[in-house]
N, C-alpha and C. Protein backbone atom coordinates (compact mmCIF):
# COMPACT_ATOMS: atom_id res chain seq x y z
N MET A 1 -18.38 1.22 7.05
CA MET A 1 -19.01 1.16 8.50
C MET A 1 -18.82 2.64 8.82
N LYS A 2 -19.59 3.52 9.46
CA LYS A 2 -19.35 4.94 9.99
C LYS A 2 -19.74 4.75 11.43
N ILE A 3 -18.86 5.65 12.34
CA ILE A 3 -19.69 5.69 13.69
C ILE A 3 -19.67 6.90 13.96
N ASP A 4 -20.85 7.31 14.67
CA ASP A 4 -21.26 8.93 15.23
C ASP A 4 -20.47 9.02 16.26
N LEU A 5 -19.41 9.82 16.35
CA LEU A 5 -18.89 10.24 17.37
C LEU A 5 -19.59 11.30 18.53
N SER A 6 -20.67 12.04 18.17
CA SER A 6 -21.33 12.47 19.16
C SER A 6 -21.87 11.62 20.13
N GLN A 7 -21.96 10.50 19.72
CA GLN A 7 -23.14 9.39 20.93
C GLN A 7 -21.79 8.56 21.68
N ILE A 8 -20.39 9.21 21.71
CA ILE A 8 -19.39 8.75 22.63
C ILE A 8 -19.34 9.27 23.45
N ASP A 9 -19.55 8.95 24.72
CA ASP A 9 -19.31 9.60 26.08
C ASP A 9 -17.75 9.27 26.61
N ALA A 10 -17.99 8.95 27.67
CA ALA A 10 -16.33 9.23 28.64
C ALA A 10 -15.96 7.65 28.70
N GLU A 11 -16.88 6.78 28.15
CA GLU A 11 -16.46 5.49 28.21
C GLU A 11 -15.62 5.06 26.66
N PRO A 12 -14.95 4.24 26.50
CA PRO A 12 -14.48 3.80 24.83
C PRO A 12 -15.41 3.02 24.54
N LEU A 13 -15.37 3.19 22.77
CA LEU A 13 -16.10 2.23 22.26
C LEU A 13 -15.55 1.02 21.56
N SER A 14 -15.95 0.23 21.87
CA SER A 14 -14.79 -0.67 21.01
C SER A 14 -15.14 -1.13 19.67
N ILE A 15 -14.09 -1.37 19.04
CA ILE A 15 -14.37 -1.65 17.21
C ILE A 15 -14.11 -2.88 16.99
N ASN A 16 -14.84 -3.86 15.97
CA ASN A 16 -14.47 -4.96 15.96
C ASN A 16 -14.88 -5.80 14.90
N GLU A 17 -14.09 -4.87 13.49
CA GLU A 17 -14.91 -5.10 12.14
C GLU A 17 -14.37 -6.00 11.08
N VAL A 18 -15.10 -6.56 10.25
CA VAL A 18 -14.24 -6.92 8.98
C VAL A 18 -14.60 -6.14 7.99
N LEU A 19 -13.86 -5.51 7.07
CA LEU A 19 -14.10 -4.31 6.21
C LEU A 19 -13.75 -4.87 4.52
N VAL A 20 -13.82 -4.68 3.83
CA VAL A 20 -13.48 -4.69 2.38
C VAL A 20 -13.11 -3.22 1.57
N VAL A 21 -11.94 -3.21 1.33
CA VAL A 21 -11.22 -1.85 0.75
C VAL A 21 -11.18 -2.48 -0.83
N ALA A 22 -11.58 -1.61 -1.39
CA ALA A 22 -11.69 -1.53 -2.90
C ALA A 22 -10.39 -1.12 -3.34
N PRO A 23 -9.85 -1.80 -4.27
CA PRO A 23 -8.17 -1.20 -4.94
C PRO A 23 -8.31 0.28 -5.60
N GLU A 24 -9.67 0.74 -5.87
CA GLU A 24 -9.51 2.12 -6.07
C GLU A 24 -9.32 3.29 -4.74
N GLN A 25 -9.84 2.32 -3.64
CA GLN A 25 -9.43 3.50 -2.31
C GLN A 25 -8.18 3.53 -1.93
N VAL A 26 -7.01 2.73 -2.63
CA VAL A 26 -5.61 2.47 -2.18
C VAL A 26 -4.90 2.68 -3.30
N ASP A 27 -4.29 1.87 -3.99
CA ASP A 27 -3.42 2.04 -5.15
C ASP A 27 -3.52 0.91 -6.31
N THR A 28 -4.19 1.40 -7.67
CA THR A 28 -4.83 0.47 -8.37
C THR A 28 -3.90 -0.22 -9.10
N ASN A 29 -2.47 0.36 -9.37
CA ASN A 29 -1.40 -0.06 -9.63
C ASN A 29 -0.60 -1.26 -8.93
N GLN A 30 -0.95 -1.49 -7.95
CA GLN A 30 -0.51 -2.72 -6.75
C GLN A 30 -1.51 -3.67 -6.34
N VAL A 31 -2.46 -2.68 -6.27
CA VAL A 31 -3.64 -4.00 -5.76
C VAL A 31 -4.79 -4.41 -6.54
N VAL A 32 -4.63 -5.49 -6.99
CA VAL A 32 -5.54 -6.03 -7.95
C VAL A 32 -6.76 -6.84 -7.88
N ALA A 33 -7.44 -6.87 -6.74
CA ALA A 33 -8.54 -7.24 -6.14
C ALA A 33 -8.86 -6.47 -4.51
N PRO A 34 -10.20 -6.58 -4.08
CA PRO A 34 -10.31 -6.20 -3.03
C PRO A 34 -9.68 -6.29 -2.06
N ILE A 35 -9.17 -5.63 -0.89
CA ILE A 35 -8.30 -6.08 0.10
C ILE A 35 -9.13 -6.73 1.40
N SER A 36 -9.31 -7.76 2.16
CA SER A 36 -10.04 -7.90 3.28
C SER A 36 -9.54 -7.34 4.68
N VAL A 37 -10.09 -6.50 5.21
CA VAL A 37 -9.15 -6.22 6.25
C VAL A 37 -10.42 -6.44 8.03
N ARG A 38 -9.64 -6.95 8.60
CA ARG A 38 -10.12 -7.09 10.01
C ARG A 38 -9.57 -5.44 11.49
N LEU A 39 -10.25 -4.87 11.68
CA LEU A 39 -10.17 -3.76 12.12
C LEU A 39 -10.48 -4.00 13.84
N GLU A 40 -9.61 -3.68 14.53
CA GLU A 40 -9.86 -4.26 16.21
C GLU A 40 -8.91 -3.09 16.88
N GLY A 41 -9.74 -2.54 18.12
CA GLY A 41 -9.43 -1.55 18.41
C GLY A 41 -10.72 -0.70 19.28
N GLU A 42 -10.42 0.61 19.88
CA GLU A 42 -11.24 1.17 20.42
C GLU A 42 -11.22 3.01 20.06
N VAL A 43 -12.44 3.48 20.20
CA VAL A 43 -12.25 4.73 20.16
C VAL A 43 -12.59 5.18 21.63
N ARG A 44 -12.07 6.25 21.62
CA ARG A 44 -12.19 7.00 23.17
C ARG A 44 -11.95 8.35 23.08
N PRO A 45 -13.03 9.27 23.81
CA PRO A 45 -12.94 11.03 23.82
C PRO A 45 -11.68 11.21 24.08
N LEU A 46 -10.64 12.45 23.45
CA LEU A 46 -9.47 12.86 23.88
C LEU A 46 -9.48 14.58 23.72
N GLY A 47 -9.63 14.61 25.00
CA GLY A 47 -9.75 16.58 24.97
C GLY A 47 -10.80 16.70 23.95
N GLU A 48 -10.19 17.80 22.88
CA GLU A 48 -10.86 18.26 22.09
C GLU A 48 -11.38 17.14 20.74
N GLY A 49 -10.87 16.26 20.76
CA GLY A 49 -10.91 14.88 19.77
C GLY A 49 -11.33 13.60 20.13
N TYR A 50 -10.65 12.66 19.48
CA TYR A 50 -11.11 11.21 19.60
C TYR A 50 -9.71 10.60 19.64
N ALA A 51 -9.53 9.49 20.11
CA ALA A 51 -8.08 8.87 19.58
C ALA A 51 -8.57 7.20 19.36
N VAL A 52 -8.20 6.98 18.21
CA VAL A 52 -8.47 5.68 17.63
C VAL A 52 -7.27 4.93 17.62
N SER A 53 -7.56 3.57 18.69
CA SER A 53 -6.22 3.04 18.41
C SER A 53 -6.34 1.37 18.37
N GLY A 54 -5.21 0.67 17.81
CA GLY A 54 -5.72 -0.93 17.64
C GLY A 54 -4.80 -1.59 17.17
N ARG A 55 -5.18 -2.79 16.39
CA ARG A 55 -4.25 -3.07 15.34
C ARG A 55 -5.59 -3.61 14.24
N TRP A 56 -4.71 -4.05 12.96
CA TRP A 56 -5.52 -4.27 11.94
C TRP A 56 -4.88 -5.78 11.13
N VAL A 57 -5.33 -6.38 10.35
CA VAL A 57 -4.98 -7.71 9.95
C VAL A 57 -5.80 -7.63 8.41
N ALA A 58 -4.60 -7.14 7.62
CA ALA A 58 -5.21 -7.34 5.85
C ALA A 58 -4.84 -8.73 5.14
N GLU A 59 -5.41 -8.82 4.34
CA GLU A 59 -5.04 -9.87 3.09
C GLU A 59 -5.60 -9.51 1.97
N GLY A 60 -4.93 -9.61 0.84
CA GLY A 60 -5.45 -9.19 -0.55
C GLY A 60 -4.32 -9.62 -1.67
N PRO A 61 -4.85 -9.67 -2.97
CA PRO A 61 -3.65 -9.94 -3.67
C PRO A 61 -3.05 -8.44 -4.24
N LEU A 62 -1.81 -8.09 -4.58
CA LEU A 62 -1.06 -7.71 -5.07
C LEU A 62 -0.31 -7.77 -6.29
N THR A 63 0.24 -7.00 -7.12
CA THR A 63 0.80 -7.39 -8.42
C THR A 63 2.30 -7.51 -8.48
N CYS A 64 3.05 -8.62 -8.89
CA CYS A 64 4.51 -8.25 -8.70
C CYS A 64 4.77 -7.50 -9.56
N SER A 65 5.85 -6.50 -9.14
CA SER A 65 6.26 -5.58 -9.88
C SER A 65 7.35 -5.99 -11.09
N ARG A 66 7.48 -7.08 -11.04
CA ARG A 66 8.26 -7.78 -12.23
C ARG A 66 7.50 -8.33 -13.32
N CYS A 67 6.98 -9.21 -12.78
CA CYS A 67 6.42 -10.08 -13.81
C CYS A 67 4.67 -9.87 -13.95
N LEU A 68 4.16 -8.97 -12.90
CA LEU A 68 2.73 -9.03 -13.22
C LEU A 68 1.73 -9.60 -12.78
N GLU A 69 2.23 -10.74 -12.10
CA GLU A 69 1.43 -12.00 -11.28
C GLU A 69 0.68 -11.74 -10.18
N PRO A 70 -0.59 -12.09 -9.70
CA PRO A 70 -0.58 -11.98 -8.39
C PRO A 70 0.01 -12.66 -7.35
N VAL A 71 0.05 -11.52 -6.49
CA VAL A 71 1.03 -12.05 -5.02
C VAL A 71 0.13 -11.73 -3.70
N LEU A 72 0.14 -12.80 -2.95
CA LEU A 72 -1.03 -13.06 -2.05
C LEU A 72 0.10 -12.13 -0.75
N TRP A 73 -0.74 -10.87 -0.14
CA TRP A 73 0.02 -9.87 0.67
C TRP A 73 -0.86 -9.98 1.83
N GLU A 74 -0.05 -10.11 2.83
CA GLU A 74 -0.48 -10.38 4.18
C GLU A 74 0.22 -9.01 5.13
N VAL A 75 -0.90 -8.80 5.87
CA VAL A 75 -0.30 -7.75 7.01
C VAL A 75 -0.78 -7.88 8.32
N GLU A 76 0.06 -7.29 9.41
CA GLU A 76 -0.57 -7.34 10.65
C GLU A 76 0.37 -6.02 11.28
N GLU A 77 -0.51 -4.93 11.63
CA GLU A 77 0.09 -3.84 12.35
C GLU A 77 -0.68 -3.07 13.49
N ARG A 78 -0.22 -2.49 14.08
CA ARG A 78 -1.10 -1.50 15.10
C ARG A 78 -0.98 -0.10 14.31
N PHE A 79 -2.13 0.56 15.07
CA PHE A 79 -2.07 1.79 14.62
C PHE A 79 -2.73 2.65 15.70
N SER A 80 -2.56 3.82 15.43
CA SER A 80 -3.05 5.16 16.55
C SER A 80 -3.23 6.54 15.70
N VAL A 81 -4.58 6.91 15.53
CA VAL A 81 -4.61 8.48 14.98
C VAL A 81 -5.45 8.86 16.12
N GLU A 82 -5.20 10.22 16.16
CA GLU A 82 -5.99 11.12 16.62
C GLU A 82 -7.09 12.14 15.74
N TYR A 83 -8.64 12.14 15.96
CA TYR A 83 -9.19 12.77 15.00
C TYR A 83 -9.82 13.92 15.57
N ARG A 84 -9.74 14.77 15.06
CA ARG A 84 -10.18 16.40 15.74
C ARG A 84 -11.46 16.71 14.80
N LEU A 85 -12.64 17.42 15.51
CA LEU A 85 -13.73 17.80 15.13
C LEU A 85 -13.33 19.03 14.32
N PRO A 86 -14.36 19.52 13.16
CA PRO A 86 -13.81 20.57 12.09
C PRO A 86 -13.99 21.89 12.74
N SER A 87 -14.40 21.61 14.16
CA SER A 87 -14.22 23.11 15.20
C SER A 87 -13.13 23.42 15.55
N THR A 88 -12.31 22.36 15.84
CA THR A 88 -10.92 22.41 16.14
C THR A 88 -9.84 22.89 14.83
N ALA A 89 -10.05 22.58 13.50
CA ALA A 89 -9.25 22.99 12.69
C ALA A 89 -8.59 24.22 12.55
N PRO A 90 -7.32 24.24 12.29
CA PRO A 90 -7.11 25.61 12.09
C PRO A 90 -7.56 26.51 11.34
N LEU A 91 -8.03 27.51 11.20
CA LEU A 91 -8.64 28.60 10.01
C LEU A 91 -8.10 29.11 9.05
N ASP A 92 -6.37 29.30 9.31
CA ASP A 92 -5.52 29.68 8.00
C ASP A 92 -4.87 28.50 7.35
N ALA A 93 -4.93 28.76 5.96
CA ALA A 93 -4.39 27.54 5.32
C ALA A 93 -2.99 27.76 5.07
N GLU A 94 -2.49 28.61 5.73
CA GLU A 94 -0.82 28.98 5.54
C GLU A 94 -0.46 28.03 6.77
N LEU A 95 -0.99 27.99 8.04
CA LEU A 95 -0.28 27.61 9.24
C LEU A 95 0.02 26.05 8.75
N GLY A 96 1.34 25.89 8.91
CA GLY A 96 1.96 24.85 9.22
C GLY A 96 1.85 23.81 9.91
N LEU A 97 2.16 22.42 9.79
CA LEU A 97 1.93 21.28 10.89
C LEU A 97 3.05 21.24 11.70
N GLY A 98 3.02 21.32 12.90
CA GLY A 98 3.54 20.61 13.89
C GLY A 98 4.16 19.37 14.15
N LYS A 99 5.10 19.15 14.62
CA LYS A 99 5.36 17.68 14.65
C LYS A 99 3.97 16.60 15.66
N GLU A 100 3.54 17.52 16.38
CA GLU A 100 2.29 16.95 17.34
C GLU A 100 0.89 16.57 16.58
N ASP A 101 1.29 17.33 15.18
CA ASP A 101 -0.04 17.55 14.33
C ASP A 101 0.05 16.12 13.26
N LEU A 102 0.90 15.47 12.97
CA LEU A 102 1.26 14.25 11.95
C LEU A 102 0.13 13.25 11.89
N ASP A 103 0.24 13.00 13.33
CA ASP A 103 -0.84 11.62 13.59
C ASP A 103 -2.40 12.31 13.93
N VAL A 104 -2.79 13.61 13.19
CA VAL A 104 -4.07 14.20 13.57
C VAL A 104 -4.59 14.12 12.20
N VAL A 105 -5.96 13.99 12.26
CA VAL A 105 -7.09 13.97 11.03
C VAL A 105 -8.08 14.92 11.72
N PHE A 106 -8.36 15.80 10.30
CA PHE A 106 -9.80 16.57 10.82
C PHE A 106 -10.84 16.23 10.36
N LEU A 107 -12.04 15.73 10.72
CA LEU A 107 -13.09 15.13 10.49
C LEU A 107 -13.63 16.16 9.71
N ASP A 108 -14.72 15.71 8.80
CA ASP A 108 -15.51 16.96 7.91
C ASP A 108 -16.96 17.16 8.78
N GLY A 109 -17.34 15.98 9.62
CA GLY A 109 -18.44 15.88 10.42
C GLY A 109 -18.25 15.54 12.05
N THR A 110 -18.97 14.85 12.12
CA THR A 110 -18.94 14.00 13.58
C THR A 110 -18.80 12.55 13.21
N GLU A 111 -18.86 12.00 11.68
CA GLU A 111 -18.56 10.49 11.62
C GLU A 111 -17.21 10.41 11.43
N LEU A 112 -16.81 9.02 12.28
CA LEU A 112 -15.80 8.15 11.87
C LEU A 112 -15.85 7.10 10.79
N ASP A 113 -15.14 7.17 9.63
CA ASP A 113 -15.75 6.06 8.58
C ASP A 113 -14.23 5.05 8.45
N LEU A 114 -14.61 3.80 8.75
CA LEU A 114 -13.78 2.98 9.25
C LEU A 114 -13.00 2.44 8.27
N GLU A 115 -14.06 2.60 6.98
CA GLU A 115 -13.19 2.27 5.49
C GLU A 115 -12.41 3.01 5.35
N GLU A 116 -12.61 4.14 5.40
CA GLU A 116 -11.42 5.38 4.89
C GLU A 116 -10.12 4.75 6.35
N LEU A 117 -10.39 4.65 7.34
CA LEU A 117 -9.52 4.62 8.50
C LEU A 117 -8.63 3.12 7.53
N ALA A 118 -9.03 2.04 7.16
CA ALA A 118 -8.47 0.95 7.13
C ALA A 118 -7.83 1.44 5.55
N ALA A 119 -8.23 1.91 4.81
CA ALA A 119 -7.39 2.19 3.87
C ALA A 119 -6.48 3.26 3.65
N GLU A 120 -6.60 4.08 4.65
CA GLU A 120 -5.30 4.85 5.36
C GLU A 120 -4.42 3.95 5.51
N GLN A 121 -4.59 2.91 6.31
CA GLN A 121 -3.49 2.05 6.88
C GLN A 121 -3.15 1.25 5.80
N ILE A 122 -3.52 1.04 5.08
CA ILE A 122 -3.16 0.05 3.79
C ILE A 122 -2.09 0.51 3.25
N VAL A 123 -2.64 1.80 2.58
CA VAL A 123 -1.52 2.96 1.87
C VAL A 123 -0.25 3.13 2.66
N LEU A 124 -0.24 2.93 4.29
CA LEU A 124 0.84 3.39 4.76
C LEU A 124 1.45 2.15 4.94
N ALA A 125 1.11 0.96 4.81
CA ALA A 125 1.47 -0.26 4.83
C ALA A 125 1.98 -1.06 3.53
N LEU A 126 1.38 -0.55 2.34
CA LEU A 126 2.30 -1.12 0.92
C LEU A 126 3.54 -1.21 0.97
N PRO A 127 4.14 -2.15 0.55
CA PRO A 127 5.41 -2.21 0.14
C PRO A 127 5.86 -1.49 -1.52
N ILE A 128 6.76 -0.47 -1.58
CA ILE A 128 7.06 0.41 -2.53
C ILE A 128 7.22 -0.99 -3.87
N LYS A 129 7.77 -1.63 -3.55
CA LYS A 129 7.46 -2.75 -4.72
C LYS A 129 7.68 -4.24 -4.24
N ILE A 130 6.71 -4.90 -4.67
CA ILE A 130 6.41 -6.59 -4.34
C ILE A 130 6.85 -7.27 -5.26
N VAL A 131 7.45 -8.48 -4.95
CA VAL A 131 7.90 -9.00 -6.07
C VAL A 131 7.33 -10.76 -5.53
N CYS A 132 6.92 -11.56 -6.48
CA CYS A 132 6.57 -12.56 -6.20
C CYS A 132 7.42 -13.75 -5.68
N ASP A 133 8.72 -13.33 -6.18
CA ASP A 133 10.04 -14.32 -5.42
C ASP A 133 11.33 -13.27 -5.62
N GLN A 134 12.06 -13.26 -5.43
CA GLN A 134 13.38 -12.64 -4.85
C GLN A 134 14.15 -13.11 -6.91
N ASP A 135 13.85 -14.11 -7.14
CA ASP A 135 14.49 -14.44 -8.28
C ASP A 135 13.54 -14.67 -9.55
N CYS A 136 12.50 -13.65 -9.26
CA CYS A 136 11.81 -13.36 -10.43
C CYS A 136 12.20 -12.82 -11.55
N ALA A 137 12.12 -13.43 -12.91
CA ALA A 137 12.89 -12.74 -13.95
C ALA A 137 12.36 -11.61 -14.59
N GLY A 138 10.84 -11.48 -14.31
CA GLY A 138 10.08 -10.48 -14.89
C GLY A 138 9.77 -10.70 -16.30
N LEU A 139 9.30 -9.74 -17.14
CA LEU A 139 8.55 -10.20 -18.38
C LEU A 139 9.85 -9.53 -19.48
N CYS A 140 9.81 -10.35 -20.39
CA CYS A 140 10.35 -9.90 -21.63
C CYS A 140 10.25 -8.54 -22.06
N PRO A 141 11.18 -7.81 -22.07
CA PRO A 141 11.20 -6.48 -22.88
C PRO A 141 10.71 -6.25 -24.30
N ARG A 142 11.03 -7.16 -25.27
CA ARG A 142 10.43 -7.67 -26.34
C ARG A 142 8.95 -7.97 -26.75
N CYS A 143 9.11 -9.19 -26.30
CA CYS A 143 7.55 -10.36 -26.35
C CYS A 143 6.57 -9.96 -25.43
N GLY A 144 7.21 -9.45 -24.03
CA GLY A 144 6.22 -9.47 -22.91
C GLY A 144 5.95 -10.62 -22.30
N ALA A 145 6.52 -11.75 -22.77
CA ALA A 145 6.34 -13.11 -22.19
C ALA A 145 6.91 -13.04 -20.63
N ASN A 146 6.19 -13.90 -19.89
CA ASN A 146 6.71 -13.66 -18.47
C ASN A 146 8.07 -15.12 -18.58
N ARG A 147 8.54 -14.44 -17.95
CA ARG A 147 10.45 -14.91 -18.15
C ARG A 147 10.49 -16.22 -17.12
N ASN A 148 9.75 -16.42 -16.02
CA ASN A 148 9.68 -17.35 -15.05
C ASN A 148 9.07 -18.59 -15.78
N ARG A 149 7.94 -18.92 -16.47
CA ARG A 149 7.39 -19.61 -17.48
C ARG A 149 8.64 -20.33 -18.30
N GLU A 150 8.78 -21.49 -18.42
CA GLU A 150 10.11 -21.98 -19.06
C GLU A 150 9.24 -22.20 -20.57
N GLY A 151 10.03 -21.58 -21.66
CA GLY A 151 9.47 -21.52 -23.02
C GLY A 151 8.66 -20.70 -23.39
N ALA A 152 8.31 -19.71 -22.49
CA ALA A 152 7.50 -18.61 -22.70
C ALA A 152 7.90 -17.68 -23.88
N CYS A 153 9.31 -17.43 -23.53
CA CYS A 153 9.90 -16.49 -24.62
C CYS A 153 10.94 -17.36 -25.42
N ARG A 154 10.84 -17.14 -26.64
CA ARG A 154 11.84 -17.44 -27.41
C ARG A 154 12.70 -16.50 -27.89
N CYS A 155 12.99 -15.28 -27.37
CA CYS A 155 13.49 -14.41 -28.25
C CYS A 155 15.03 -14.51 -27.76
N GLN A 156 15.93 -14.43 -28.94
CA GLN A 156 17.56 -14.35 -28.90
C GLN A 156 17.93 -13.41 -27.82
N PRO A 157 18.87 -13.33 -27.36
CA PRO A 157 19.51 -12.13 -26.56
C PRO A 157 20.12 -11.16 -27.31
N GLU A 158 19.46 -9.86 -26.69
CA GLU A 158 20.16 -8.70 -27.83
C GLU A 158 21.62 -8.67 -27.03
N ILE A 159 22.64 -8.34 -28.15
CA ILE A 159 23.68 -7.77 -28.00
C ILE A 159 23.78 -6.27 -27.90
N ASP A 160 24.26 -5.74 -26.64
CA ASP A 160 24.23 -4.59 -26.66
C ASP A 160 25.44 -4.00 -27.12
N PRO A 161 24.73 -2.77 -28.20
CA PRO A 161 25.82 -2.27 -29.26
C PRO A 161 26.89 -1.48 -28.76
N ARG A 162 27.02 -1.39 -27.35
CA ARG A 162 28.28 -0.51 -26.99
C ARG A 162 29.48 -2.10 -26.83
N TRP A 163 29.05 -3.22 -26.42
CA TRP A 163 29.76 -4.43 -26.62
C TRP A 163 30.08 -5.19 -28.24
N ALA A 164 29.21 -4.33 -29.43
CA ALA A 164 29.38 -5.38 -30.25
C ALA A 164 30.86 -5.55 -31.43
N ALA A 165 31.97 -4.50 -31.06
CA ALA A 165 32.74 -4.36 -31.23
C ALA A 165 34.11 -5.30 -30.58
N LEU A 166 33.83 -6.28 -29.39
CA LEU A 166 34.59 -6.84 -28.67
C LEU A 166 34.13 -8.24 -29.52
N ALA A 167 32.80 -8.16 -29.72
CA ALA A 167 32.23 -9.50 -30.14
C ALA A 167 33.17 -10.04 -31.28
N ASP A 168 33.85 -8.96 -32.06
CA ASP A 168 34.48 -9.84 -33.06
C ASP A 168 35.84 -9.89 -33.03
N LEU A 169 36.52 -9.53 -31.45
CA LEU A 169 37.68 -10.30 -31.21
C LEU A 169 37.67 -11.56 -30.72
N GLY A 170 36.67 -12.16 -30.06
CA GLY A 170 36.37 -13.26 -29.96
C GLY A 170 36.73 -14.55 -30.83
N GLY A 171 36.22 -14.24 -31.76
CA GLY A 171 36.10 -14.96 -33.16
C GLY A 171 37.18 -15.21 -33.78
N SER A 172 38.07 -14.74 -33.74
CA SER A 172 39.10 -14.39 -34.68
C SER A 172 40.35 -14.92 -34.00
N GLU A 173 41.04 -15.58 -34.66
CA GLU A 173 42.47 -16.56 -34.28
C GLU A 173 43.62 -15.55 -34.85
N GLN A 174 44.72 -15.30 -33.90
CA GLN A 174 45.70 -14.44 -34.40
C GLN A 174 46.89 -15.80 -34.91
N SER A 175 47.39 -15.06 -36.14
CA SER A 175 48.34 -16.38 -36.72
C SER A 175 49.90 -15.43 -36.35
N SER A 176 50.55 -16.48 -36.22
CA SER A 176 51.99 -16.27 -35.66
C SER A 176 53.19 -16.50 -36.71
């Protein structure tokens, strides 16, 4: 859904939308299916731009970084973003951003795409690594079986070649 910002007067515009964000819009390595997002807040004029603030609630499946099984991810956070029109964008590409510019987004036109806003908030909130359980055993590096499932992996444990010489010491008995 898009909002035409040129239609907003001095009064704030309320937002209450449910959106679906596709994995391609965020992170296809972690997100396995569309994420449902409820976006609530308001858009209000602010100097040479618009302030958008509120809260968002999202729910969707992510991939466990150890065993690759789906994990339900739920998040609820607040957001605040300042949007500025293209006419206020710096002209010189060499200009650096100041601390006050870090929460500023320069629009391409006069429309605010709520789906892009939701996708950006999801990207910022995604965990670096998500696991289905803190004790997740992950996948077997040799056969690829999920080691959380009993009997899925029948591989014999590998002996680290650095310790192989010590294995011979344990089985020999010394005679006196």
